[in-house]
Amino acid sequence: MLILFGVAVAYPLLDTIRLSFFDVRGLSAPRYVGFGNYVALFHDANFRQALWTTLVWTVSTTVLSVGIGWVLALACSLAPRATLVPRVLIFSAYGIAETVTGFIWLGIFRPDAGGLLNAALTAVGLGQFTHAWLGDPAAALGALVVAYTWAQVGLPLMLCFAATQAIPASIIEAAYMDGASGLALVRRIVAPLSWPGVRVAVFINLLSSLRAFDTIFVMTNGGPVRSTETLGFFMYRESMTQFKLGYGAAATLVLLAAVLMVSIPLVARRGAEAK
């Protein structure tokens, strides 16, 4: 097991750390630069923009996915059997590959009359609001957030719904005896007790958003003018298209640090609560 861990995790990580201290461009000989790549990163306007885009992207997709999923879960908890089919349909989007999600929403946001969104706006007499959604730097990131949220909301829905179903029946019965029903029951009993499912959903969605790549690649390729370029996409562009392997390795480690900063406190807190 330790050998497998070393081959699959430790060696690639250590080699990435090693690369980050060198200027490696394509097939040229590596040149040691120490922390030069890291210094250059934080002086790079494109990197700073990618950091900001990653923050906006991660917070937006997580808040929307978990928020919508939680509200839907609370609504479904009022009629579990009647909402079985809608829950399955919503969750099915989560099982679609991110590349496929990208192509689906690429068709929806097409700028011409063939785009479903623009066609729908035109059909209802709102043609003046048609837009090149993915070609406008001010709108492209929002369009991506909508697409990614659509694909991700199913998991928070299921996690939060499972948390509502784990509430002891005795608590629900006691609430009914005290006169709580409908929305009051959801607000005072079900919502607070489903919070563990919300925390798990936040953790998973944060990590998913930080590593998101395929949907962005398919829909915008990081554009227009790098307005949708996250840290993961910045790393890809610098390493795979600019062939600056050392620079890309440094960006990779910054992304890894961001993931660890998010995950370690959440895991530690959950472990403390479990005790």
Protein backbone atom coordinates (compact mmCIF):
# COMPACT_ATOMS: atom_id res chain seq x y z
CA MET A 1 0.00 0.00 0.00
CA LEU A 2 2.82 2.40 0.87
CA ILE A 3 4.51 1.60 -2.44
CA LEU A 4 1.29 2.39 -4.33
CA PHE A 5 0.94 5.64 -2.38
CA GLY A 6 4.52 6.59 -3.23
CA VAL A 7 4.09 5.87 -6.94
CA ALA A 8 0.64 7.45 -7.31
CA VAL A 9 0.87 10.44 -4.95
CA ALA A 10 4.20 11.11 -3.30
CA TYR A 11 6.48 10.94 -6.36
CA PRO A 12 4.35 13.23 -8.61
CA LEU A 13 3.98 15.72 -5.75
CA LEU A 14 7.69 15.76 -4.93
CA ASP A 15 8.59 16.07 -8.62
CA THR A 16 6.17 18.99 -8.99
CA ILE A 17 7.80 20.70 -5.99
CA ARG A 18 11.21 20.12 -7.56
CA LEU A 19 10.09 21.50 -10.94
CA SER A 20 8.71 24.64 -9.31
CA PHE A 21 12.26 25.72 -8.41
CA PHE A 22 13.47 25.51 -12.02
CA ASP A 23 12.88 27.43 -15.22
CA VAL A 24 11.88 24.59 -17.55
CA ARG A 25 10.72 25.58 -21.03
CA GLY A 26 9.88 22.74 -23.38
CA LEU A 27 12.93 20.61 -24.15
CA SER A 28 15.50 23.17 -22.99
CA ALA A 29 17.81 22.36 -20.08
CA PRO A 30 16.31 23.19 -16.66
CA ARG A 31 17.74 26.30 -14.98
CA TYR A 32 17.56 26.64 -11.20
CA VAL A 33 15.74 29.83 -10.15
CA GLY A 34 14.91 29.11 -6.50
CA PHE A 35 11.71 30.91 -5.52
CA GLY A 36 11.81 32.94 -8.74
CA ASN A 37 8.72 31.24 -10.19
CA TYR A 38 6.69 32.02 -7.06
CA VAL A 39 7.83 35.65 -7.04
CA ALA A 40 6.98 35.95 -10.74
CA LEU A 41 3.54 34.46 -10.13
CA PHE A 42 2.48 37.15 -7.70
CA HIS A 43 3.81 39.85 -10.03
CA ASP A 44 1.83 38.36 -12.92
CA ALA A 45 -1.42 40.26 -13.57
CA ASN A 46 -2.91 37.19 -15.27
CA PHE A 47 -2.21 35.07 -12.19
CA ARG A 48 -3.79 37.64 -9.88
CA GLN A 49 -6.85 37.75 -12.12
CA ALA A 50 -7.00 33.94 -12.06
CA LEU A 51 -6.87 34.04 -8.24
CA TRP A 52 -9.79 36.47 -8.13
CA THR A 53 -11.75 34.50 -10.73
CA THR A 54 -11.17 31.31 -8.73
CA LEU A 55 -12.49 32.97 -5.57
CA VAL A 56 -15.62 34.31 -7.31
CA TRP A 57 -16.18 31.03 -9.14
CA THR A 58 -15.73 28.82 -6.06
CA VAL A 59 -17.90 30.90 -3.74
CA SER A 60 -20.65 31.43 -6.34
CA THR A 61 -20.96 27.81 -7.46
CA THR A 62 -20.79 26.47 -3.90
CA VAL A 63 -23.33 28.90 -2.44
CA LEU A 64 -25.77 28.40 -5.32
CA SER A 65 -25.39 24.61 -5.56
CA VAL A 66 -25.69 23.98 -1.83
CA GLY A 67 -28.29 26.69 -1.26
CA ILE A 68 -30.60 25.49 -4.03
CA GLY A 69 -30.00 21.84 -3.12
CA TRP A 70 -30.82 22.49 0.54
CA VAL A 71 -34.04 24.37 -0.25
CA LEU A 72 -35.12 21.61 -2.63
CA ALA A 73 -34.28 18.98 -0.01
CA LEU A 74 -36.39 20.76 2.59
CA ALA A 75 -39.27 20.97 0.12
CA CYS A 76 -38.92 17.29 -0.78
CA SER A 77 -38.89 16.33 2.90
CA LEU A 78 -42.54 17.42 3.10
CA ALA A 79 -43.53 14.72 0.58
CA PRO A 80 -40.70 12.17 0.17
CA ARG A 81 -42.60 9.67 -1.96
CA ALA A 82 -44.24 12.20 -4.26
CA THR A 83 -40.89 13.86 -5.01
CA LEU A 84 -38.94 10.67 -5.81
CA VAL A 85 -38.95 11.15 -9.59
CA PRO A 86 -37.98 14.87 -9.48
CA ARG A 87 -35.13 14.03 -7.09
CA VAL A 88 -33.81 11.33 -9.39
CA LEU A 89 -34.03 13.62 -12.43
CA ILE A 90 -32.18 16.44 -10.67
CA PHE A 91 -29.51 14.09 -9.35
CA SER A 92 -29.00 12.56 -12.81
CA ALA A 93 -27.40 15.82 -13.97
CA TYR A 94 -24.67 15.24 -11.38
CA GLY A 95 -23.76 11.97 -13.09
CA ILE A 96 -23.20 13.62 -16.46
CA ALA A 97 -19.55 14.10 -17.41
CA GLU A 98 -18.40 17.72 -17.10
CA THR A 99 -17.45 17.73 -20.79
CA VAL A 100 -21.01 16.76 -21.74
CA THR A 101 -22.37 19.43 -19.40
CA GLY A 102 -20.19 21.96 -21.19
CA PHE A 103 -21.53 20.98 -24.61
CA ILE A 104 -25.15 21.04 -23.39
CA TRP A 105 -24.83 24.57 -22.08
CA LEU A 106 -22.72 25.66 -25.02
CA GLY A 107 -25.79 24.95 -27.13
CA ILE A 108 -28.02 26.87 -24.72
CA PHE A 109 -25.79 29.96 -24.68
CA ARG A 110 -24.98 30.06 -28.40
CA PRO A 111 -25.02 33.70 -29.57
CA ASP A 112 -27.03 33.10 -32.75
CA ALA A 113 -30.68 32.20 -33.20
CA GLY A 114 -29.78 28.53 -32.69
CA GLY A 115 -28.96 29.15 -29.05
CA LEU A 116 -31.84 27.97 -26.86
CA LEU A 117 -31.70 30.92 -24.47
CA ASN A 118 -31.65 33.58 -27.19
CA ALA A 119 -34.34 31.71 -29.13
CA ALA A 120 -36.55 31.57 -26.03
CA LEU A 121 -36.08 35.28 -25.37
CA THR A 122 -36.99 36.07 -28.96
CA ALA A 123 -40.04 33.78 -28.85
CA VAL A 124 -41.53 35.57 -25.83
CA GLY A 125 -40.92 39.04 -27.27
CA LEU A 126 -37.73 39.81 -25.36
CA GLY A 127 -35.42 39.75 -28.35
CA GLN A 128 -33.73 42.94 -27.19
CA PHE A 129 -32.17 40.93 -24.35
CA THR A 130 -30.45 38.38 -26.59
CA HIS A 131 -26.73 38.39 -25.98
CA ALA A 132 -23.42 36.76 -26.83
CA TRP A 133 -23.36 35.25 -23.35
CA LEU A 134 -20.04 33.45 -23.65
CA GLY A 135 -18.39 36.13 -25.76
CA ASP A 136 -18.85 38.97 -23.27
CA PRO A 137 -16.21 39.16 -20.49
CA ALA A 138 -18.85 40.61 -18.16
CA ALA A 139 -21.31 37.74 -18.72
CA ALA A 140 -19.18 34.68 -19.47
CA LEU A 141 -18.30 33.78 -15.88
CA GLY A 142 -21.94 34.10 -14.82
CA ALA A 143 -22.99 31.79 -17.64
CA LEU A 144 -20.41 29.24 -16.52
CA VAL A 145 -21.63 29.47 -12.92
CA VAL A 146 -25.19 28.73 -14.07
CA ALA A 147 -24.05 25.72 -16.10
CA TYR A 148 -21.87 24.30 -13.33
CA THR A 149 -24.52 24.86 -10.67
CA TRP A 150 -27.06 22.98 -12.79
CA ALA A 151 -24.72 20.00 -12.89
CA GLN A 152 -23.73 20.10 -9.21
CA VAL A 153 -26.99 20.83 -7.39
CA GLY A 154 -28.08 17.17 -7.37
CA LEU A 155 -25.50 16.06 -4.81
CA PRO A 156 -26.37 18.68 -2.15
CA LEU A 157 -30.03 17.84 -2.74
CA MET A 158 -29.44 14.16 -1.98
CA LEU A 159 -27.10 14.76 0.97
CA CYS A 160 -29.44 17.26 2.60
CA PHE A 161 -32.50 15.14 1.87
CA ALA A 162 -30.79 12.13 3.48
CA ALA A 163 -30.08 14.29 6.54
CA THR A 164 -33.77 15.22 6.79
CA GLN A 165 -34.78 11.57 6.61
CA ALA A 166 -32.35 10.71 9.42
CA ILE A 167 -34.25 12.93 11.87
CA PRO A 168 -35.85 10.66 14.50
CA ALA A 169 -39.58 10.24 14.03
CA SER A 170 -40.10 10.95 17.73
CA ILE A 171 -38.83 14.51 17.26
CA ILE A 172 -41.21 15.10 14.35
CA GLU A 173 -44.12 13.64 16.30
CA ALA A 174 -43.33 15.82 19.31
CA ALA A 175 -43.25 18.88 17.06
CA TYR A 176 -46.65 17.94 15.63
CA MET A 177 -48.04 17.57 19.14
CA ASP A 178 -46.76 21.06 19.95
CA GLY A 179 -48.68 22.43 16.98
CA ALA A 180 -45.86 22.75 14.43
CA SER A 181 -46.74 21.83 10.86
CA GLY A 182 -45.81 22.62 7.27
CA LEU A 183 -43.35 25.48 6.91
CA ALA A 184 -43.07 25.97 10.67
CA LEU A 185 -41.95 22.35 11.07
CA VAL A 186 -39.38 22.74 8.30
CA ARG A 187 -38.06 26.04 9.63
CA ARG A 188 -37.79 25.08 13.30
CA ILE A 189 -37.02 21.35 13.21
CA VAL A 190 -36.05 19.96 9.82
CA ALA A 191 -33.76 22.77 8.62
CA PRO A 192 -31.57 22.96 11.77
CA LEU A 193 -31.26 19.17 12.05
CA SER A 194 -30.30 18.81 8.37
CA TRP A 195 -27.26 21.04 8.88
CA PRO A 196 -24.76 18.10 8.93
CA GLY A 197 -25.75 17.29 5.35
CA VAL A 198 -25.22 20.93 4.39
CA ARG A 199 -21.69 20.91 5.82
CA VAL A 200 -20.74 17.77 3.87
CA ALA A 201 -22.23 19.26 0.70
CA VAL A 202 -20.26 22.49 1.17
CA PHE A 203 -17.02 20.55 1.60
CA ILE A 204 -17.55 18.40 -1.50
CA ASN A 205 -18.73 21.30 -3.66
CA LEU A 206 -15.82 23.53 -2.62
CA LEU A 207 -13.31 20.90 -3.70
CA SER A 208 -15.22 20.18 -6.92
CA SER A 209 -15.30 23.87 -7.83
CA LEU A 210 -11.59 24.34 -7.12
CA ARG A 211 -10.64 21.50 -9.46
CA ALA A 212 -13.22 22.29 -12.17
CA PHE A 213 -11.70 22.32 -15.65
CA ASP A 214 -13.65 20.42 -18.31
CA THR A 215 -16.75 22.63 -18.36
CA ILE A 216 -14.63 25.77 -18.57
CA PHE A 217 -12.46 24.29 -21.30
CA VAL A 218 -15.43 23.30 -23.45
CA MET A 219 -17.51 26.45 -23.01
CA THR A 220 -14.99 29.32 -22.99
CA ASN A 221 -11.44 27.91 -23.06
CA GLY A 222 -10.68 30.39 -20.28
CA GLY A 223 -11.79 33.39 -22.33
CA PRO A 224 -12.84 35.87 -23.43
CA VAL A 225 -9.66 37.77 -22.52
CA ARG A 226 -9.02 35.30 -19.67
CA SER A 227 -12.17 36.41 -17.84
CA THR A 228 -13.07 32.80 -16.96
CA GLU A 229 -9.56 31.53 -16.30
CA THR A 230 -9.36 29.85 -12.89
CA LEU A 231 -6.15 28.72 -11.18
CA GLY A 232 -6.52 25.25 -12.65
CA PHE A 233 -6.92 26.66 -16.14
CA PHE A 234 -4.02 29.08 -15.61
CA MET A 235 -1.83 26.12 -14.65
CA TYR A 236 -2.90 24.25 -17.79
CA ARG A 237 -2.28 27.23 -20.06
CA GLU A 238 1.19 27.97 -18.70
CA SER A 239 2.31 24.32 -18.64
CA MET A 240 0.63 22.78 -21.67
CA THR A 241 0.36 25.65 -24.17
CA GLN A 242 3.20 27.98 -23.13
CA PHE A 243 5.44 25.03 -22.15
CA LYS A 244 6.65 26.83 -19.01
CA LEU A 245 6.70 23.70 -16.90
CA GLY A 246 8.42 25.18 -13.85
CA TYR A 247 6.08 28.16 -13.80
CA GLY A 248 3.08 25.88 -14.21
CA ALA A 249 4.34 23.64 -11.38
CA ALA A 250 4.50 26.66 -9.07
CA ALA A 251 0.91 27.55 -10.01
CA THR A 252 -0.10 23.93 -9.34
CA LEU A 253 1.30 24.12 -5.81
CA VAL A 254 -0.53 27.38 -5.15
CA LEU A 255 -3.75 25.63 -6.20
CA LEU A 256 -2.88 22.68 -3.95
CA ALA A 257 -2.30 25.09 -1.06
CA ALA A 258 -5.74 26.62 -1.69
CA VAL A 259 -7.35 23.16 -1.63
CA LEU A 260 -5.58 22.26 1.63
CA MET A 261 -6.53 25.59 3.24
CA VAL A 262 -10.17 24.78 2.52
CA SER A 263 -10.19 21.06 3.27
CA ILE A 264 -8.03 20.71 6.40
CA PRO A 265 -10.12 23.00 8.68
CA LEU A 266 -13.36 21.39 7.48
CA VAL A 267 -12.06 17.85 8.01
CA ALA A 268 -10.57 18.75 11.40
CA ARG A 269 -13.83 20.33 12.53
CA ARG A 270 -15.84 17.33 11.42
CA GLY A 271 -13.43 15.01 13.24
CA ALA A 272 -13.75 17.07 16.43
CA GLU A 273 -17.55 16.96 16.20
CA ALA A 274 -17.48 13.19 15.69
CA LYS A 275 -15.69 12.80 19.03
